[in-house]
Amino acid sequence: MRNRRFLPSISVLAAFDAVIATGSVTAAARELDLTQSTVSRLIRTLEEQLGRDLFVRHKKRLVPTPAALDLAGDVGRALDLIQRASMKVVANPEGGSLSVATLPTLNAQWLGPRLKSFLDTNPGINLSLTTRLRRFSFETEPVDAVIYFGDDDWPGAHHLRLFGEHYTACAAPNLIAGADVTAPADLARLPLLQLETRPLAWADWFAAHDAPPPRADGMLFDHFSMMTQAAIAGLGVAILPAYLAATERSEGRLEPLFTPAVPGRGSYWLAWPEPRDAYPPLVAFRDWLSGQPAP
């Protein structure tokens, strides 16, 4: 059983959250459509329940203590989680909601265009997508699963490998036109665009072409879409996964260099928390993903 002393009511937490967010009892009361005296009473109730002051009263202002600021982060996340859960029930009372975090470029170029087939075969599932570039904890993020790049090492999760990655060097036609690039080693004379999450990609590419490793001094990006746009603008040579290189090549914006593509390190994975393993919408999504061809 949960200790009721440490389970304040939603009204108390909402008042605390509003005071922290707005900086005053007056503004919080206006936001919550309550009287100032009611908000003040709810704040006092929380302080009495926890047995410590959360605000310093100074000239009709409430100044949050360090403890209050620390508590506010957890309370805000908890209220967000409750709100999202309630919205899911309203949007899909049958409980067929699924929230998936994914990478922005992968979603735009590979996952997104395929989702219609999943939704057509699973019309009762309310799917929501959010993008994440860095790892997070399933305990603090309200998502059912994540698609990420790396190894099968997400803590406390089960994993499904989707596909690996093959790199292609790509450049705008006008960048290559007068560069006298006739061998892989010649690319080292051009600006080589770098990606934070693929620090060894260029070294692997040059090694696969029996060429000396280049200097890692090109522009640095945190995801592929920004690198791609920089390459299209002629700012350097990009190293792109096959599914991105094919798109840009077909539309004539980038020209692949020294094909075939080179195998890279790591893979794309679907990971989900162990307690959600048998959740029906997640099972359906997992089964559908396992049948999707690699790019």
C-alpha atoms as a PDB file:
ATOM      1  CA  MET A   1       0.000   0.000   0.000  1.00  0.00           C
ATOM      2  CA  ARG A   2       1.177   3.527  -0.775  1.00  0.00           C
ATOM      3  CA  ASN A   3       1.769   5.888   2.128  1.00  0.00           C
ATOM      4  CA  ARG A   4      -1.031   8.460   1.916  1.00  0.00           C
ATOM      5  CA  ARG A   5       1.126  11.104   3.556  1.00  0.00           C
ATOM      6  CA  PHE A   6       3.255  11.177   0.439  1.00  0.00           C
ATOM      7  CA  LEU A   7       0.298  11.107  -1.975  1.00  0.00           C
ATOM      8  CA  PRO A   8      -1.071  14.669  -2.033  1.00  0.00           C
ATOM      9  CA  SER A   9      -4.346  15.207  -3.854  1.00  0.00           C
ATOM     10  CA  ILE A  10      -4.407  16.344  -7.477  1.00  0.00           C
ATOM     11  CA  SER A  11      -5.881  19.703  -6.453  1.00  0.00           C
ATOM     12  CA  VAL A  12      -3.003  20.306  -4.045  1.00  0.00           C
ATOM     13  CA  LEU A  13      -0.393  19.321  -6.626  1.00  0.00           C
ATOM     14  CA  ALA A  14      -2.078  21.380  -9.352  1.00  0.00           C
ATOM     15  CA  ALA A  15      -1.993  24.455  -7.092  1.00  0.00           C
ATOM     16  CA  PHE A  16       1.675  23.871  -6.261  1.00  0.00           C
ATOM     17  CA  ASP A  17       2.525  23.392  -9.948  1.00  0.00           C
ATOM     18  CA  ALA A  18       0.655  26.557 -10.933  1.00  0.00           C
ATOM     19  CA  VAL A  19       2.336  28.695  -8.262  1.00  0.00           C
ATOM     20  CA  ILE A  20       5.757  27.452  -9.350  1.00  0.00           C
ATOM     21  CA  ALA A  21       4.931  28.073 -13.025  1.00  0.00           C
ATOM     22  CA  THR A  22       3.371  31.507 -12.651  1.00  0.00           C
ATOM     23  CA  GLY A  23       5.401  32.840  -9.744  1.00  0.00           C
ATOM     24  CA  SER A  24       2.456  34.091  -7.688  1.00  0.00           C
ATOM     25  CA  VAL A  25      -0.680  32.979  -5.902  1.00  0.00           C
ATOM     26  CA  THR A  26      -2.727  35.562  -7.790  1.00  0.00           C
ATOM     27  CA  ALA A  27      -1.675  34.313 -11.225  1.00  0.00           C
ATOM     28  CA  ALA A  28      -2.046  30.676 -10.151  1.00  0.00           C
ATOM     29  CA  ALA A  29      -5.568  31.364  -8.885  1.00  0.00           C
ATOM     30  CA  ARG A  30      -6.447  32.986 -12.196  1.00  0.00           C
ATOM     31  CA  GLU A  31      -5.063  30.033 -14.164  1.00  0.00           C
ATOM     32  CA  LEU A  32      -6.907  27.466 -12.022  1.00  0.00           C
ATOM     33  CA  ASP A  33     -10.112  29.525 -11.790  1.00  0.00           C
ATOM     34  CA  LEU A  34      -9.892  29.510  -7.979  1.00  0.00           C
ATOM     35  CA  THR A  35      -9.739  32.219  -5.344  1.00  0.00           C
ATOM     36  CA  GLN A  36      -6.387  33.369  -3.980  1.00  0.00           C
ATOM     37  CA  SER A  37      -7.335  32.165  -0.507  1.00  0.00           C
ATOM     38  CA  THR A  38      -8.087  28.681  -1.882  1.00  0.00           C
ATOM     39  CA  VAL A  39      -4.712  28.450  -3.604  1.00  0.00           C
ATOM     40  CA  SER A  40      -2.945  29.658  -0.439  1.00  0.00           C
ATOM     41  CA  ARG A  41      -4.811  27.057   1.592  1.00  0.00           C
ATOM     42  CA  LEU A  42      -3.840  24.271  -0.835  1.00  0.00           C
ATOM     43  CA  ILE A  43      -0.177  25.299  -0.615  1.00  0.00           C
ATOM     44  CA  ARG A  44      -0.332  25.253   3.200  1.00  0.00           C
ATOM     45  CA  THR A  45      -1.970  21.825   3.052  1.00  0.00           C
ATOM     46  CA  LEU A  46       0.929  20.472   1.003  1.00  0.00           C
ATOM     47  CA  GLU A  47       3.502  21.962   3.370  1.00  0.00           C
ATOM     48  CA  GLU A  48       1.708  20.485   6.389  1.00  0.00           C
ATOM     49  CA  GLN A  49       1.422  17.118   4.678  1.00  0.00           C
ATOM     50  CA  LEU A  50       5.164  17.013   3.899  1.00  0.00           C
ATOM     51  CA  GLY A  51       6.173  18.591   7.197  1.00  0.00           C
ATOM     52  CA  ARG A  52       8.331  21.378   5.780  1.00  0.00           C
ATOM     53  CA  ASP A  53       8.082  24.846   4.270  1.00  0.00           C
ATOM     54  CA  LEU A  54       8.169  24.960   0.482  1.00  0.00           C
ATOM     55  CA  PHE A  55       7.987  28.725   0.081  1.00  0.00           C
ATOM     56  CA  VAL A  56       9.408  31.738   1.839  1.00  0.00           C
ATOM     57  CA  ARG A  57       6.765  34.447   2.353  1.00  0.00           C
ATOM     58  CA  HIS A  58       8.239  37.799   1.386  1.00  0.00           C
ATOM     59  CA  LYS A  59       6.113  40.920   0.834  1.00  0.00           C
ATOM     60  CA  LYS A  60       3.060  39.009  -0.375  1.00  0.00           C
ATOM     61  CA  ARG A  61       5.225  36.844  -2.627  1.00  0.00           C
ATOM     62  CA  LEU A  62       5.973  33.142  -2.374  1.00  0.00           C
ATOM     63  CA  VAL A  63       9.618  32.410  -3.101  1.00  0.00           C
ATOM     64  CA  PRO A  64      10.178  28.652  -3.682  1.00  0.00           C
ATOM     65  CA  THR A  65      12.830  26.946  -1.604  1.00  0.00           C
ATOM     66  CA  PRO A  66      15.419  24.651  -3.260  1.00  0.00           C
ATOM     67  CA  ALA A  67      13.353  21.695  -2.025  1.00  0.00           C
ATOM     68  CA  ALA A  68      10.260  23.124  -3.743  1.00  0.00           C
ATOM     69  CA  LEU A  69      12.103  23.583  -7.027  1.00  0.00           C
ATOM     70  CA  ASP A  70      13.367  20.012  -6.846  1.00  0.00           C
ATOM     71  CA  LEU A  71       9.869  18.705  -6.087  1.00  0.00           C
ATOM     72  CA  ALA A  72       8.373  20.812  -8.880  1.00  0.00           C
ATOM     73  CA  GLY A  73      10.198  18.886 -11.609  1.00  0.00           C
ATOM     74  CA  ASP A  74       8.817  15.529 -10.479  1.00  0.00           C
ATOM     75  CA  VAL A  75       5.325  16.936  -9.862  1.00  0.00           C
ATOM     76  CA  GLY A  76       5.238  18.492 -13.336  1.00  0.00           C
ATOM     77  CA  ARG A  77       6.228  15.209 -14.982  1.00  0.00           C
ATOM     78  CA  ALA A  78       3.668  13.288 -12.921  1.00  0.00           C
ATOM     79  CA  LEU A  79       0.868  15.694 -13.852  1.00  0.00           C
ATOM     80  CA  ASP A  80       1.883  15.492 -17.533  1.00  0.00           C
ATOM     81  CA  LEU A  81       1.753  11.698 -17.360  1.00  0.00           C
ATOM     82  CA  ILE A  82      -1.697  11.700 -15.754  1.00  0.00           C
ATOM     83  CA  GLN A  83      -2.971  14.197 -18.339  1.00  0.00           C
ATOM     84  CA  ARG A  84      -1.651  12.131 -21.256  1.00  0.00           C
ATOM     85  CA  ALA A  85      -3.125   8.953 -19.819  1.00  0.00           C
ATOM     86  CA  SER A  86      -6.505  10.657 -19.451  1.00  0.00           C
ATOM     87  CA  MET A  87      -6.321  11.995 -23.001  1.00  0.00           C
ATOM     88  CA  LYS A  88      -5.626   8.481 -24.270  1.00  0.00           C
ATOM     89  CA  VAL A  89      -8.742   7.171 -22.546  1.00  0.00           C
ATOM     90  CA  VAL A  90     -10.854   9.941 -24.057  1.00  0.00           C
ATOM     91  CA  ALA A  91      -9.348   9.549 -27.532  1.00  0.00           C
ATOM     92  CA  ASN A  92      -9.523   5.760 -27.540  1.00  0.00           C
ATOM     93  CA  PRO A  93     -11.691   4.276 -24.803  1.00  0.00           C
ATOM     94  CA  GLU A  94     -10.906   0.747 -25.983  1.00  0.00           C
ATOM     95  CA  GLY A  95      -7.345   1.179 -24.717  1.00  0.00           C
ATOM     96  CA  GLY A  96      -5.662   0.859 -28.115  1.00  0.00           C
ATOM     97  CA  SER A  97      -3.139   3.661 -27.686  1.00  0.00           C
ATOM     98  CA  LEU A  98       0.535   3.357 -28.557  1.00  0.00           C
ATOM     99  CA  SER A  99       3.241   5.985 -28.066  1.00  0.00           C
ATOM    100  CA  VAL A 100       6.575   5.498 -29.837  1.00  0.00           C
ATOM    101  CA  ALA A 101       9.700   7.659 -29.667  1.00  0.00           C
ATOM    102  CA  THR A 102      11.851   7.626 -32.779  1.00  0.00           C
ATOM    103  CA  LEU A 103      14.645   9.446 -34.572  1.00  0.00           C
ATOM    104  CA  PRO A 104      13.524  12.449 -36.653  1.00  0.00           C
ATOM    105  CA  THR A 105      15.268  11.574 -39.917  1.00  0.00           C
ATOM    106  CA  LEU A 106      14.402   7.882 -39.712  1.00  0.00           C
ATOM    107  CA  ASN A 107      10.782   8.815 -39.086  1.00  0.00           C
ATOM    108  CA  ALA A 108      10.647  11.220 -42.023  1.00  0.00           C
ATOM    109  CA  GLN A 109      12.433   9.010 -44.537  1.00  0.00           C
ATOM    110  CA  TRP A 110      11.694   5.411 -43.546  1.00  0.00           C
ATOM    111  CA  LEU A 111       9.094   4.867 -40.826  1.00  0.00           C
ATOM    112  CA  GLY A 112       6.599   7.619 -41.653  1.00  0.00           C
ATOM    113  CA  PRO A 113       5.955   6.639 -45.290  1.00  0.00           C
ATOM    114  CA  ARG A 114       5.209   3.048 -44.179  1.00  0.00           C
ATOM    115  CA  LEU A 115       2.860   3.763 -41.281  1.00  0.00           C
ATOM    116  CA  LYS A 116      -0.298   3.806 -43.382  1.00  0.00           C
ATOM    117  CA  SER A 117      -0.063   0.054 -43.847  1.00  0.00           C
ATOM    118  CA  PHE A 118       0.187  -0.437 -40.075  1.00  0.00           C
ATOM    119  CA  LEU A 119      -2.788   1.818 -39.368  1.00  0.00           C
ATOM    120  CA  ASP A 120      -4.841   0.239 -42.156  1.00  0.00           C
ATOM    121  CA  THR A 121      -4.343  -3.225 -40.658  1.00  0.00           C
ATOM    122  CA  ASN A 122      -4.778  -2.021 -37.054  1.00  0.00           C
ATOM    123  CA  PRO A 123      -7.571   0.579 -37.246  1.00  0.00           C
ATOM    124  CA  GLY A 124      -8.310   0.444 -33.502  1.00  0.00           C
ATOM    125  CA  ILE A 125      -4.849   1.615 -32.442  1.00  0.00           C
ATOM    126  CA  ASN A 126      -4.315   5.293 -31.726  1.00  0.00           C
ATOM    127  CA  LEU A 127      -0.634   5.806 -32.601  1.00  0.00           C
ATOM    128  CA  SER A 128       1.358   8.823 -31.464  1.00  0.00           C
ATOM    129  CA  LEU A 129       4.984   9.545 -32.390  1.00  0.00           C
ATOM    130  CA  THR A 130       7.557  11.727 -30.684  1.00  0.00           C
ATOM    131  CA  THR A 131      11.175  12.338 -31.636  1.00  0.00           C
ATOM    132  CA  ARG A 132      14.196  11.793 -29.415  1.00  0.00           C
ATOM    133  CA  LEU A 133      17.868  12.228 -30.293  1.00  0.00           C
ATOM    134  CA  ARG A 134      19.259  10.989 -26.994  1.00  0.00           C
ATOM    135  CA  ARG A 135      18.516   8.151 -24.635  1.00  0.00           C
ATOM    136  CA  PHE A 136      16.041   8.467 -21.795  1.00  0.00           C
ATOM    137  CA  SER A 137      14.472   6.337 -19.093  1.00  0.00           C
ATOM    138  CA  PHE A 138      11.177   4.562 -19.675  1.00  0.00           C
ATOM    139  CA  GLU A 139      10.413   5.295 -16.035  1.00  0.00           C
ATOM    140  CA  THR A 140      10.285   9.056 -16.664  1.00  0.00           C
ATOM    141  CA  GLU A 141       9.068   9.248 -20.284  1.00  0.00           C
ATOM    142  CA  PRO A 142       5.451   8.329 -21.121  1.00  0.00           C
ATOM    143  CA  VAL A 143       6.232   6.181 -24.182  1.00  0.00           C
ATOM    144  CA  ASP A 144       5.598   2.501 -24.874  1.00  0.00           C
ATOM    145  CA  ALA A 145       8.618   1.926 -27.113  1.00  0.00           C
ATOM    146  CA  VAL A 146      11.545   3.624 -28.807  1.00  0.00           C
ATOM    147  CA  ILE A 147      13.310   3.200 -32.130  1.00  0.00           C
ATOM    148  CA  TYR A 148      16.974   4.126 -31.801  1.00  0.00           C
ATOM    149  CA  PHE A 149      20.418   3.504 -33.305  1.00  0.00           C
ATOM    150  CA  GLY A 150      23.213   1.673 -31.533  1.00  0.00           C
ATOM    151  CA  ASP A 151      23.422  -1.682 -29.762  1.00  0.00           C
ATOM    152  CA  ASP A 152      20.829  -3.822 -27.986  1.00  0.00           C
ATOM    153  CA  ASP A 153      21.697  -2.342 -24.604  1.00  0.00           C
ATOM    154  CA  TRP A 154      18.729  -0.176 -23.586  1.00  0.00           C
ATOM    155  CA  PRO A 155      18.412  -0.692 -19.795  1.00  0.00           C
ATOM    156  CA  GLY A 156      15.473  -2.756 -18.594  1.00  0.00           C
ATOM    157  CA  ALA A 157      14.146  -3.342 -22.109  1.00  0.00           C
ATOM    158  CA  HIS A 158      13.506  -6.037 -24.677  1.00  0.00           C
ATOM    159  CA  HIS A 159      14.898  -5.463 -28.177  1.00  0.00           C
ATOM    160  CA  LEU A 160      14.046  -6.170 -31.800  1.00  0.00           C
ATOM    161  CA  ARG A 161      16.701  -5.528 -34.429  1.00  0.00           C
ATOM    162  CA  LEU A 162      15.266  -3.721 -37.448  1.00  0.00           C
ATOM    163  CA  PHE A 163      18.247  -3.333 -39.803  1.00  0.00           C
ATOM    164  CA  GLY A 164      21.878  -2.306 -39.989  1.00  0.00           C
ATOM    165  CA  GLU A 165      23.388   0.692 -41.678  1.00  0.00           C
ATOM    166  CA  HIS A 166      25.441   1.086 -44.867  1.00  0.00           C
ATOM    167  CA  TYR A 167      27.193   4.387 -45.566  1.00  0.00           C
ATOM    168  CA  THR A 168      27.489   6.209 -48.866  1.00  0.00           C
ATOM    169  CA  ALA A 169      29.599   9.323 -49.406  1.00  0.00           C
ATOM    170  CA  CYS A 170      27.446  11.962 -51.099  1.00  0.00           C
ATOM    171  CA  ALA A 171      28.110  15.460 -52.384  1.00  0.00           C
ATOM    172  CA  ALA A 172      26.344  18.168 -54.334  1.00  0.00           C
ATOM    173  CA  PRO A 173      27.200  17.961 -58.069  1.00  0.00           C
ATOM    174  CA  ASN A 174      28.607  21.502 -58.069  1.00  0.00           C
ATOM    175  CA  LEU A 175      31.024  20.646 -55.233  1.00  0.00           C
ATOM    176  CA  ILE A 176      32.453  17.674 -57.117  1.00  0.00           C
ATOM    177  CA  ALA A 177      32.498  19.301 -60.556  1.00  0.00           C
ATOM    178  CA  GLY A 178      35.893  20.978 -60.235  1.00  0.00           C
ATOM    179  CA  ALA A 179      37.375  18.994 -57.366  1.00  0.00           C
ATOM    180  CA  ASP A 180      39.303  16.382 -59.409  1.00  0.00           C
ATOM    181  CA  VAL A 181      38.058  13.494 -57.271  1.00  0.00           C
ATOM    182  CA  THR A 182      39.144  10.295 -59.016  1.00  0.00           C
ATOM    183  CA  ALA A 183      39.924   8.026 -56.029  1.00  0.00           C
ATOM    184  CA  PRO A 184      38.520   7.642 -52.513  1.00  0.00           C
ATOM    185  CA  ALA A 185      41.650   9.211 -50.986  1.00  0.00           C
ATOM    186  CA  ASP A 186      40.928  12.422 -52.908  1.00  0.00           C
ATOM    187  CA  LEU A 187      37.875  13.068 -50.704  1.00  0.00           C
ATOM    188  CA  ALA A 188      40.202  13.907 -47.815  1.00  0.00           C
ATOM    189  CA  ARG A 189      40.925  17.219 -49.559  1.00  0.00           C
ATOM    190  CA  LEU A 190      37.262  18.245 -49.287  1.00  0.00           C
ATOM    191  CA  PRO A 191      35.307  19.265 -46.165  1.00  0.00           C
ATOM    192  CA  LEU A 192      33.941  16.053 -44.637  1.00  0.00           C
ATOM    193  CA  LEU A 193      30.715  16.610 -42.715  1.00  0.00           C
ATOM    194  CA  GLN A 194      30.566  14.819 -39.347  1.00  0.00           C
ATOM    195  CA  LEU A 195      27.707  13.375 -37.289  1.00  0.00           C
ATOM    196  CA  GLU A 196      27.865  13.312 -33.477  1.00  0.00           C
ATOM    197  CA  THR A 197      26.416   9.810 -33.230  1.00  0.00           C
ATOM    198  CA  ARG A 198      28.653   8.316 -35.949  1.00  0.00           C
ATOM    199  CA  PRO A 199      32.155   9.485 -34.920  1.00  0.00           C
ATOM    200  CA  LEU A 200      33.896   6.588 -36.720  1.00  0.00           C
ATOM    201  CA  ALA A 201      31.824   6.597 -39.909  1.00  0.00           C
ATOM    202  CA  TRP A 202      34.397   8.358 -42.082  1.00  0.00           C
ATOM    203  CA  ALA A 203      37.273   6.293 -40.695  1.00  0.00           C
ATOM    204  CA  ASP A 204      35.343   3.104 -41.534  1.00  0.00           C
ATOM    205  CA  TRP A 205      34.482   4.400 -45.002  1.00  0.00           C
ATOM    206  CA  PHE A 206      38.091   5.249 -45.890  1.00  0.00           C
ATOM    207  CA  ALA A 207      39.352   1.964 -44.423  1.00  0.00           C
ATOM    208  CA  ALA A 208      36.872   0.015 -46.558  1.00  0.00           C
ATOM    209  CA  HIS A 209      38.285   1.801 -49.626  1.00  0.00           C
ATOM    210  CA  ASP A 210      41.914   1.128 -48.593  1.00  0.00           C
ATOM    211  CA  ALA A 211      42.565   4.838 -48.132  1.00  0.00           C
ATOM    212  CA  PRO A 212      44.270   6.622 -45.212  1.00  0.00           C
ATOM    213  CA  PRO A 213      41.916   7.931 -42.495  1.00  0.00           C
ATOM    214  CA  PRO A 214      41.018  11.619 -42.875  1.00  0.00           C
ATOM    215  CA  ARG A 215      41.223  14.459 -40.385  1.00  0.00           C
ATOM    216  CA  ALA A 216      37.995  14.764 -38.390  1.00  0.00           C
ATOM    217  CA  ASP A 217      37.681  18.530 -38.791  1.00  0.00           C
ATOM    218  CA  GLY A 218      34.516  19.080 -40.824  1.00  0.00           C
ATOM    219  CA  MET A 219      31.281  20.673 -39.640  1.00  0.00           C
ATOM    220  CA  LEU A 220      29.569  18.668 -36.881  1.00  0.00           C
ATOM    221  CA  PHE A 221      25.815  17.925 -36.826  1.00  0.00           C
ATOM    222  CA  ASP A 222      23.501  16.179 -34.393  1.00  0.00           C
ATOM    223  CA  HIS A 223      21.245  14.492 -36.953  1.00  0.00           C
ATOM    224  CA  PHE A 224      21.291  13.445 -40.588  1.00  0.00           C
ATOM    225  CA  SER A 225      18.739  15.898 -41.939  1.00  0.00           C
ATOM    226  CA  MET A 226      20.935  18.885 -41.037  1.00  0.00           C
ATOM    227  CA  MET A 227      23.994  17.197 -42.514  1.00  0.00           C
ATOM    228  CA  THR A 228      22.056  16.425 -45.692  1.00  0.00           C
ATOM    229  CA  GLN A 229      20.975  20.038 -46.135  1.00  0.00           C
ATOM    230  CA  ALA A 230      24.548  21.228 -45.603  1.00  0.00           C
ATOM    231  CA  ALA A 231      25.769  18.810 -48.290  1.00  0.00           C
ATOM    232  CA  ILE A 232      23.063  19.963 -50.707  1.00  0.00           C
ATOM    233  CA  ALA A 233      24.225  23.544 -50.112  1.00  0.00           C
ATOM    234  CA  GLY A 234      27.755  22.508 -51.131  1.00  0.00           C
ATOM    235  CA  LEU A 235      29.303  22.887 -47.675  1.00  0.00           C
ATOM    236  CA  GLY A 236      30.995  19.502 -47.752  1.00  0.00           C
ATOM    237  CA  VAL A 237      30.677  15.777 -48.362  1.00  0.00           C
ATOM    238  CA  ALA A 238      28.075  13.916 -46.309  1.00  0.00           C
ATOM    239  CA  ILE A 239      28.228  10.315 -45.205  1.00  0.00           C
ATOM    240  CA  LEU A 240      24.669   9.003 -45.320  1.00  0.00           C
ATOM    241  CA  PRO A 241      22.807   5.748 -44.707  1.00  0.00           C
ATOM    242  CA  ALA A 242      21.628   3.986 -47.847  1.00  0.00           C
ATOM    243  CA  TYR A 243      17.972   4.920 -47.332  1.00  0.00           C
ATOM    244  CA  LEU A 244      18.839   8.626 -47.238  1.00  0.00           C
ATOM    245  CA  ALA A 245      21.389   8.519 -50.031  1.00  0.00           C
ATOM    246  CA  ALA A 246      18.888   6.811 -52.345  1.00  0.00           C
ATOM    247  CA  THR A 247      16.297   9.549 -51.756  1.00  0.00           C
ATOM    248  CA  GLU A 248      18.683  12.421 -52.419  1.00  0.00           C
ATOM    249  CA  ARG A 249      20.198  10.669 -55.439  1.00  0.00           C
ATOM    250  CA  SER A 250      16.817   9.996 -57.049  1.00  0.00           C
ATOM    251  CA  GLU A 251      15.908  13.674 -56.727  1.00  0.00           C
ATOM    252  CA  GLY A 252      19.256  14.835 -58.111  1.00  0.00           C
ATOM    253  CA  ARG A 253      20.333  16.865 -55.100  1.00  0.00           C
ATOM    254  CA  LEU A 254      23.319  14.730 -54.145  1.00  0.00           C
ATOM    255  CA  GLU A 255      25.638  12.480 -56.082  1.00  0.00           C
ATOM    256  CA  PRO A 256      26.869   9.208 -54.497  1.00  0.00           C
ATOM    257  CA  LEU A 257      30.622   8.680 -54.646  1.00  0.00           C
ATOM    258  CA  PHE A 258      32.562   5.430 -54.942  1.00  0.00           C
ATOM    259  CA  THR A 259      29.750   2.955 -54.482  1.00  0.00           C
ATOM    260  CA  PRO A 260      28.834   0.380 -53.253  1.00  0.00           C
ATOM    261  CA  ALA A 261      27.890   1.497 -49.775  1.00  0.00           C
ATOM    262  CA  VAL A 262      30.125   0.520 -46.846  1.00  0.00           C
ATOM    263  CA  PRO A 263      28.755  -1.459 -43.860  1.00  0.00           C
ATOM    264  CA  GLY A 264      28.702   0.606 -40.676  1.00  0.00           C
ATOM    265  CA  ARG A 265      28.667  -0.128 -36.986  1.00  0.00           C
ATOM    266  CA  GLY A 266      25.472  -0.447 -34.977  1.00  0.00           C
ATOM    267  CA  SER A 267      21.885  -1.112 -35.984  1.00  0.00           C
ATOM    268  CA  TYR A 268      18.417   0.343 -35.665  1.00  0.00           C
ATOM    269  CA  TRP A 269      16.454  -1.250 -32.834  1.00  0.00           C
ATOM    270  CA  LEU A 270      12.979  -1.226 -31.382  1.00  0.00           C
ATOM    271  CA  ALA A 271      13.152  -1.322 -27.574  1.00  0.00           C
ATOM    272  CA  TRP A 272      10.313  -1.500 -25.082  1.00  0.00           C
ATOM    273  CA  PRO A 273      10.098  -1.810 -21.284  1.00  0.00           C
ATOM    274  CA  GLU A 274       9.777  -5.349 -20.010  1.00  0.00           C
ATOM    275  CA  PRO A 275       6.403  -4.738 -18.278  1.00  0.00           C
ATOM    276  CA  ARG A 276       4.899  -3.712 -21.662  1.00  0.00           C
ATOM    277  CA  ASP A 277       5.997  -6.883 -23.433  1.00  0.00           C
ATOM    278  CA  ALA A 278       2.462  -8.307 -23.850  1.00  0.00           C
ATOM    279  CA  TYR A 279       0.660  -4.958 -24.405  1.00  0.00           C
ATOM    280  CA  PRO A 280      -1.535  -5.702 -27.471  1.00  0.00           C
ATOM    281  CA  PRO A 281      -0.914  -2.481 -29.467  1.00  0.00           C
ATOM    282  CA  LEU A 282       2.830  -2.877 -28.917  1.00  0.00           C
ATOM    283  CA  VAL A 283       2.700  -6.540 -29.955  1.00  0.00           C
ATOM    284  CA  ALA A 284       0.908  -5.529 -33.166  1.00  0.00           C
ATOM    285  CA  PHE A 285       3.457  -2.794 -33.903  1.00  0.00           C
ATOM    286  CA  ARG A 286       6.365  -5.107 -33.162  1.00  0.00           C
ATOM    287  CA  ASP A 287       4.994  -7.805 -35.453  1.00  0.00           C
ATOM    288  CA  TRP A 288       4.423  -5.269 -38.212  1.00  0.00           C
ATOM    289  CA  LEU A 289       7.927  -3.816 -37.906  1.00  0.00           C
ATOM    290  CA  SER A 290       9.510  -7.259 -38.040  1.00  0.00           C
ATOM    291  CA  GLY A 291       7.951  -7.751 -41.468  1.00  0.00           C
ATOM    292  CA  GLN A 292       9.194  -4.462 -42.947  1.00  0.00           C
ATOM    293  CA  PRO A 293      12.052  -4.816 -45.457  1.00  0.00           C
ATOM    294  CA  ALA A 294      15.351  -3.129 -44.684  1.00  0.00           C
ATOM    295  CA  PRO A 295      16.133  -0.090 -46.868  1.00  0.00           C
END
